[in-house]
Amino acid sequence: MHNEVETLELSEMEGRTVANAVVPYPPGIPLLMPGENAGPADGPLLGYLTALEQYDLRFPGFTHDTHGVEVEDVKPRPLN
């Protein structure tokens, strides 16, 4: 990688290769490992991370801990 790493929003991850592991807790099983492609925006990997994001925004205080992901303070978005 040689310091050629970008920080991206979840919505920008489609088709991108991840530089570090993404491990949601629970269950604590790696969802993505370094070098893997995140896949399509509507695919299972990004779909799962988007669902976790929406849950965390909807239910503050019951948020998930996802290693490899930085969470910024954002306003909740309406659920579709």
C-alpha atoms as a PDB file:
ATOM      1  CA  MET A   1       0.000   0.000   0.000  1.00  0.00           C
ATOM      2  CA  HIS A   2       2.905   2.348   0.684  1.00  0.00           C
ATOM      3  CA  ASN A   3       0.693   4.988   2.370  1.00  0.00           C
ATOM      4  CA  GLU A   4      -1.615   5.146  -0.638  1.00  0.00           C
ATOM      5  CA  VAL A   5      -4.776   4.725   1.421  1.00  0.00           C
ATOM      6  CA  GLU A   6      -7.935   6.835   1.244  1.00  0.00           C
ATOM      7  CA  THR A   7     -10.590   7.347   3.886  1.00  0.00           C
ATOM      8  CA  LEU A   8     -13.984   6.931   2.230  1.00  0.00           C
ATOM      9  CA  GLU A   9     -17.625   7.198   3.195  1.00  0.00           C
ATOM     10  CA  LEU A  10     -19.572   3.942   3.162  1.00  0.00           C
ATOM     11  CA  SER A  11     -21.482   5.235   0.135  1.00  0.00           C
ATOM     12  CA  GLU A  12     -18.166   5.563  -1.761  1.00  0.00           C
ATOM     13  CA  MET A  13     -16.985   1.985  -1.163  1.00  0.00           C
ATOM     14  CA  GLU A  14     -18.621   0.343  -4.177  1.00  0.00           C
ATOM     15  CA  GLY A  15     -16.028  -1.660  -6.104  1.00  0.00           C
ATOM     16  CA  ARG A  16     -13.160  -0.497  -3.898  1.00  0.00           C
ATOM     17  CA  THR A  17     -10.452  -2.662  -2.328  1.00  0.00           C
ATOM     18  CA  VAL A  18     -10.192  -2.385   1.448  1.00  0.00           C
ATOM     19  CA  ALA A  19      -6.881  -1.679   3.173  1.00  0.00           C
ATOM     20  CA  ASN A  20      -7.804  -3.016   6.613  1.00  0.00           C
ATOM     21  CA  ALA A  21     -10.135  -5.587   8.081  1.00  0.00           C
ATOM     22  CA  VAL A  22     -13.762  -4.665   8.733  1.00  0.00           C
ATOM     23  CA  VAL A  23     -15.064  -6.627  11.719  1.00  0.00           C
ATOM     24  CA  PRO A  24     -18.542  -5.850  13.108  1.00  0.00           C
ATOM     25  CA  TYR A  25     -19.201  -6.722  16.763  1.00  0.00           C
ATOM     26  CA  PRO A  26     -21.392  -8.603  17.316  1.00  0.00           C
ATOM     27  CA  PRO A  27     -20.718 -11.207  15.955  1.00  0.00           C
ATOM     28  CA  GLY A  28     -16.978 -10.444  15.700  1.00  0.00           C
ATOM     29  CA  ILE A  29     -16.446 -12.298  12.440  1.00  0.00           C
ATOM     30  CA  PRO A  30     -14.405 -10.451   9.771  1.00  0.00           C
ATOM     31  CA  LEU A  31     -16.679  -9.160   7.019  1.00  0.00           C
ATOM     32  CA  LEU A  32     -13.846  -7.877   4.815  1.00  0.00           C
ATOM     33  CA  MET A  33     -10.118  -8.557   4.954  1.00  0.00           C
ATOM     34  CA  PRO A  34      -7.345  -6.371   3.519  1.00  0.00           C
ATOM     35  CA  GLY A  35      -7.143  -6.757  -0.245  1.00  0.00           C
ATOM     36  CA  GLU A  36     -10.772  -7.816  -0.687  1.00  0.00           C
ATOM     37  CA  ASN A  37     -13.183  -5.925  -2.894  1.00  0.00           C
ATOM     38  CA  ALA A  38     -16.182  -4.368  -1.124  1.00  0.00           C
ATOM     39  CA  GLY A  39     -18.435  -5.317  -4.037  1.00  0.00           C
ATOM     40  CA  PRO A  40     -21.500  -3.536  -5.378  1.00  0.00           C
ATOM     41  CA  ALA A  41     -23.394  -0.918  -3.356  1.00  0.00           C
ATOM     42  CA  ASP A  42     -26.462  -3.165  -3.248  1.00  0.00           C
ATOM     43  CA  GLY A  43     -24.459  -6.326  -2.583  1.00  0.00           C
ATOM     44  CA  PRO A  44     -24.412  -8.307   0.664  1.00  0.00           C
ATOM     45  CA  LEU A  45     -21.264  -6.777   2.197  1.00  0.00           C
ATOM     46  CA  LEU A  46     -22.027  -3.096   1.776  1.00  0.00           C
ATOM     47  CA  GLY A  47     -25.726  -3.813   2.303  1.00  0.00           C
ATOM     48  CA  TYR A  48     -24.951  -5.309   5.709  1.00  0.00           C
ATOM     49  CA  LEU A  49     -22.735  -2.373   6.711  1.00  0.00           C
ATOM     50  CA  THR A  50     -25.420   0.063   5.543  1.00  0.00           C
ATOM     51  CA  ALA A  51     -28.033  -1.780   7.609  1.00  0.00           C
ATOM     52  CA  LEU A  52     -25.783  -1.574  10.681  1.00  0.00           C
ATOM     53  CA  GLU A  53     -25.255   2.136  10.047  1.00  0.00           C
ATOM     54  CA  GLN A  54     -29.015   2.734   9.791  1.00  0.00           C
ATOM     55  CA  TYR A  55     -29.671   0.711  12.957  1.00  0.00           C
ATOM     56  CA  ASP A  56     -27.030   2.637  14.886  1.00  0.00           C
ATOM     57  CA  LEU A  57     -28.505   5.956  13.776  1.00  0.00           C
ATOM     58  CA  ARG A  58     -32.022   4.849  14.670  1.00  0.00           C
ATOM     59  CA  PHE A  59     -31.143   3.410  18.105  1.00  0.00           C
ATOM     60  CA  PRO A  60     -28.420   5.509  19.773  1.00  0.00           C
ATOM     61  CA  GLY A  61     -26.972   3.793  22.800  1.00  0.00           C
ATOM     62  CA  PHE A  62     -27.278   0.373  21.172  1.00  0.00           C
ATOM     63  CA  THR A  63     -24.683   0.951  18.488  1.00  0.00           C
ATOM     64  CA  HIS A  64     -22.381  -1.681  17.063  1.00  0.00           C
ATOM     65  CA  ASP A  65     -18.621  -1.590  17.335  1.00  0.00           C
ATOM     66  CA  THR A  66     -17.092  -2.187  13.936  1.00  0.00           C
ATOM     67  CA  HIS A  67     -13.311  -2.512  13.904  1.00  0.00           C
ATOM     68  CA  GLY A  68     -11.768  -0.978  10.809  1.00  0.00           C
ATOM     69  CA  VAL A  69     -14.494   1.676  10.542  1.00  0.00           C
ATOM     70  CA  GLU A  70     -14.393   5.222  11.872  1.00  0.00           C
ATOM     71  CA  VAL A  71     -17.737   6.625  12.970  1.00  0.00           C
ATOM     72  CA  GLU A  72     -18.374  10.346  12.833  1.00  0.00           C
ATOM     73  CA  ASP A  73     -21.218  12.188  14.540  1.00  0.00           C
ATOM     74  CA  VAL A  74     -23.986  12.510  11.995  1.00  0.00           C
ATOM     75  CA  LYS A  75     -27.670  13.347  12.031  1.00  0.00           C
ATOM     76  CA  PRO A  76     -30.028  10.383  11.710  1.00  0.00           C
ATOM     77  CA  ARG A  77     -31.487   9.894   8.250  1.00  0.00           C
ATOM     78  CA  PRO A  78     -35.082   8.782   7.731  1.00  0.00           C
ATOM     79  CA  LEU A  79     -35.525   5.077   7.156  1.00  0.00           C
ATOM     80  CA  ASN A  80     -36.780   4.084   3.722  1.00  0.00           C
END
